Amino acid sequence: MASIVQRGGSYSVVYYTKENGIRKQKWESFRTEKDALHRKYMVEQYQEMFYAYSRLTRAAEQHSF
């Protein structure tokens, strides 16, 4: 899940990711709210696909013969 934070005259997209197994908070700045909303959507779509793939992979590993 990602959030949009207005900072001064810009907008930041804030989300969490894992790097080398460590949870990190990421901030990405944009000049317009429209650009920030687009990036937020892209981040959430990527996270949703990644976590769905992870769940499917774990389920397949548990049920493999």
N, C-alpha and C. Protein backbone atom coordinates (compact mmCIF):
# COMPACT_ATOMS: atom_id res chain seq x y z
N MET A 1 0.84 -1.17 0.00
CA MET A 1 0.00 0.00 0.00
C MET A 1 0.89 1.24 0.00
N ALA A 2 0.49 2.22 -0.73
CA ALA A 2 1.25 3.47 -0.85
C ALA A 2 0.37 4.63 -0.38
N SER A 3 1.02 5.70 0.02
CA SER A 3 0.32 6.91 0.47
C SER A 3 0.89 8.11 -0.27
N ILE A 4 0.06 9.16 -0.35
CA ILE A 4 0.52 10.42 -0.93
C ILE A 4 0.54 11.46 0.19
N VAL A 5 1.68 12.16 0.28
CA VAL A 5 1.86 13.19 1.30
C VAL A 5 2.21 14.49 0.58
N GLN A 6 1.47 15.57 0.89
CA GLN A 6 1.80 16.86 0.30
C GLN A 6 2.85 17.54 1.17
N ARG A 7 3.95 17.93 0.53
CA ARG A 7 5.04 18.58 1.24
C ARG A 7 5.36 19.87 0.51
N GLY A 8 4.99 20.99 1.11
CA GLY A 8 5.20 22.26 0.43
C GLY A 8 4.39 22.30 -0.85
N GLY A 9 5.06 22.53 -1.98
CA GLY A 9 4.37 22.59 -3.26
C GLY A 9 4.47 21.29 -4.06
N SER A 10 5.00 20.24 -3.43
CA SER A 10 5.14 18.98 -4.16
C SER A 10 4.38 17.86 -3.44
N TYR A 11 4.32 16.72 -4.10
CA TYR A 11 3.61 15.56 -3.56
C TYR A 11 4.58 14.38 -3.52
N SER A 12 4.56 13.64 -2.44
CA SER A 12 5.43 12.48 -2.30
C SER A 12 4.61 11.21 -2.18
N VAL A 13 5.08 10.17 -2.84
CA VAL A 13 4.49 8.84 -2.71
C VAL A 13 5.38 8.09 -1.73
N VAL A 14 4.76 7.55 -0.68
CA VAL A 14 5.49 6.86 0.38
C VAL A 14 5.00 5.41 0.41
N TYR A 15 5.97 4.48 0.39
CA TYR A 15 5.61 3.06 0.44
C TYR A 15 6.78 2.28 1.03
N TYR A 16 6.51 1.03 1.37
CA TYR A 16 7.54 0.16 1.92
C TYR A 16 7.93 -0.89 0.91
N THR A 17 9.21 -1.26 0.94
CA THR A 17 9.75 -2.30 0.08
C THR A 17 10.79 -3.08 0.87
N LYS A 18 11.20 -4.20 0.34
CA LYS A 18 12.26 -4.99 0.98
C LYS A 18 13.50 -4.96 0.12
N GLU A 19 14.63 -4.64 0.75
CA GLU A 19 15.92 -4.68 0.06
C GLU A 19 16.84 -5.56 0.88
N ASN A 20 17.31 -6.62 0.27
CA ASN A 20 18.16 -7.59 0.95
C ASN A 20 17.52 -8.12 2.23
N GLY A 21 16.20 -8.32 2.17
CA GLY A 21 15.48 -8.87 3.31
C GLY A 21 15.17 -7.86 4.40
N ILE A 22 15.52 -6.60 4.20
CA ILE A 22 15.27 -5.55 5.19
C ILE A 22 14.17 -4.63 4.68
N ARG A 23 13.17 -4.36 5.53
CA ARG A 23 12.06 -3.50 5.15
C ARG A 23 12.53 -2.05 5.13
N LYS A 24 12.28 -1.35 4.02
CA LYS A 24 12.70 0.04 3.85
C LYS A 24 11.51 0.90 3.44
N GLN A 25 11.49 2.14 3.94
CA GLN A 25 10.48 3.09 3.53
C GLN A 25 11.04 3.91 2.37
N LYS A 26 10.27 4.05 1.29
CA LYS A 26 10.69 4.80 0.11
C LYS A 26 9.83 6.05 -0.05
N TRP A 27 10.47 7.16 -0.39
CA TRP A 27 9.79 8.41 -0.69
C TRP A 27 10.16 8.81 -2.11
N GLU A 28 9.16 9.09 -2.94
CA GLU A 28 9.38 9.58 -4.29
C GLU A 28 8.58 10.86 -4.47
N SER A 29 9.25 11.93 -4.91
CA SER A 29 8.60 13.24 -5.01
C SER A 29 8.17 13.55 -6.44
N PHE A 30 7.04 14.26 -6.55
CA PHE A 30 6.48 14.67 -7.85
C PHE A 30 5.97 16.10 -7.74
N ARG A 31 5.99 16.79 -8.86
CA ARG A 31 5.53 18.18 -8.87
C ARG A 31 4.02 18.31 -8.82
N THR A 32 3.31 17.35 -9.43
CA THR A 32 1.86 17.45 -9.49
C THR A 32 1.20 16.27 -8.77
N GLU A 33 0.00 16.51 -8.30
CA GLU A 33 -0.77 15.46 -7.63
C GLU A 33 -1.11 14.35 -8.63
N LYS A 34 -1.37 14.73 -9.87
CA LYS A 34 -1.70 13.74 -10.90
C LYS A 34 -0.54 12.75 -11.10
N ASP A 35 0.69 13.26 -11.16
CA ASP A 35 1.85 12.38 -11.32
C ASP A 35 2.01 11.47 -10.09
N ALA A 36 1.78 12.02 -8.91
CA ALA A 36 1.88 11.23 -7.68
C ALA A 36 0.81 10.14 -7.65
N LEU A 37 -0.40 10.46 -8.06
CA LEU A 37 -1.47 9.47 -8.10
C LEU A 37 -1.13 8.33 -9.08
N HIS A 38 -0.55 8.70 -10.22
CA HIS A 38 -0.17 7.69 -11.20
C HIS A 38 0.89 6.76 -10.62
N ARG A 39 1.90 7.33 -9.97
CA ARG A 39 2.96 6.50 -9.38
C ARG A 39 2.41 5.63 -8.26
N LYS A 40 1.52 6.17 -7.44
CA LYS A 40 0.89 5.41 -6.36
C LYS A 40 0.17 4.20 -6.94
N TYR A 41 -0.56 4.40 -8.00
CA TYR A 41 -1.28 3.31 -8.66
C TYR A 41 -0.30 2.25 -9.15
N MET A 42 0.79 2.68 -9.79
CA MET A 42 1.78 1.74 -10.32
C MET A 42 2.45 0.95 -9.19
N VAL A 43 2.79 1.59 -8.10
CA VAL A 43 3.41 0.91 -6.96
C VAL A 43 2.45 -0.13 -6.40
N GLU A 44 1.19 0.25 -6.23
CA GLU A 44 0.21 -0.68 -5.66
C GLU A 44 -0.04 -1.87 -6.60
N GLN A 45 -0.05 -1.64 -7.90
CA GLN A 45 -0.23 -2.74 -8.84
C GLN A 45 0.96 -3.70 -8.78
N TYR A 46 2.16 -3.15 -8.72
CA TYR A 46 3.36 -3.99 -8.62
C TYR A 46 3.34 -4.81 -7.34
N GLN A 47 3.02 -4.16 -6.21
CA GLN A 47 2.99 -4.87 -4.94
C GLN A 47 1.94 -5.97 -4.96
N GLU A 48 0.79 -5.69 -5.53
CA GLU A 48 -0.28 -6.68 -5.59
C GLU A 48 0.15 -7.89 -6.42
N MET A 49 0.77 -7.65 -7.57
CA MET A 49 1.24 -8.75 -8.41
C MET A 49 2.35 -9.54 -7.72
N PHE A 50 3.28 -8.85 -7.08
CA PHE A 50 4.40 -9.51 -6.41
C PHE A 50 3.91 -10.39 -5.28
N TYR A 51 3.00 -9.88 -4.45
CA TYR A 51 2.52 -10.66 -3.32
C TYR A 51 1.63 -11.82 -3.78
N ALA A 52 0.87 -11.64 -4.84
CA ALA A 52 0.06 -12.74 -5.38
C ALA A 52 0.98 -13.84 -5.90
N TYR A 53 2.04 -13.47 -6.59
CA TYR A 53 3.00 -14.44 -7.09
C TYR A 53 3.67 -15.18 -5.94
N SER A 54 4.03 -14.45 -4.88
CA SER A 54 4.66 -15.07 -3.72
C SER A 54 3.74 -16.08 -3.06
N ARG A 55 2.47 -15.72 -2.92
CA ARG A 55 1.50 -16.64 -2.31
C ARG A 55 1.33 -17.88 -3.16
N LEU A 56 1.23 -17.72 -4.48
CA LEU A 56 1.07 -18.86 -5.37
C LEU A 56 2.30 -19.78 -5.33
N THR A 57 3.47 -19.18 -5.29
CA THR A 57 4.70 -19.96 -5.25
C THR A 57 4.78 -20.77 -3.96
N ARG A 58 4.46 -20.14 -2.83
CA ARG A 58 4.48 -20.86 -1.55
C ARG A 58 3.44 -21.97 -1.54
N ALA A 59 2.25 -21.72 -2.07
CA ALA A 59 1.20 -22.73 -2.11
C ALA A 59 1.63 -23.91 -2.99
N ALA A 60 2.25 -23.63 -4.12
CA ALA A 60 2.71 -24.69 -5.02
C ALA A 60 3.80 -25.52 -4.36
N GLU A 61 4.69 -24.88 -3.60
CA GLU A 61 5.75 -25.60 -2.91
C GLU A 61 5.19 -26.52 -1.84
N GLN A 62 4.15 -26.09 -1.17
CA GLN A 62 3.56 -26.89 -0.10
C GLN A 62 2.81 -28.10 -0.66
N HIS A 63 2.29 -27.99 -1.87
CA HIS A 63 1.47 -29.05 -2.43
C HIS A 63 2.18 -29.86 -3.53
N SER A 64 3.47 -29.63 -3.71
CA SER A 64 4.18 -30.38 -4.75
C SER A 64 4.45 -31.80 -4.26
N PHE A 65 4.49 -32.71 -5.20
CA PHE A 65 4.66 -34.13 -4.85
C PHE A 65 6.06 -34.59 -5.12
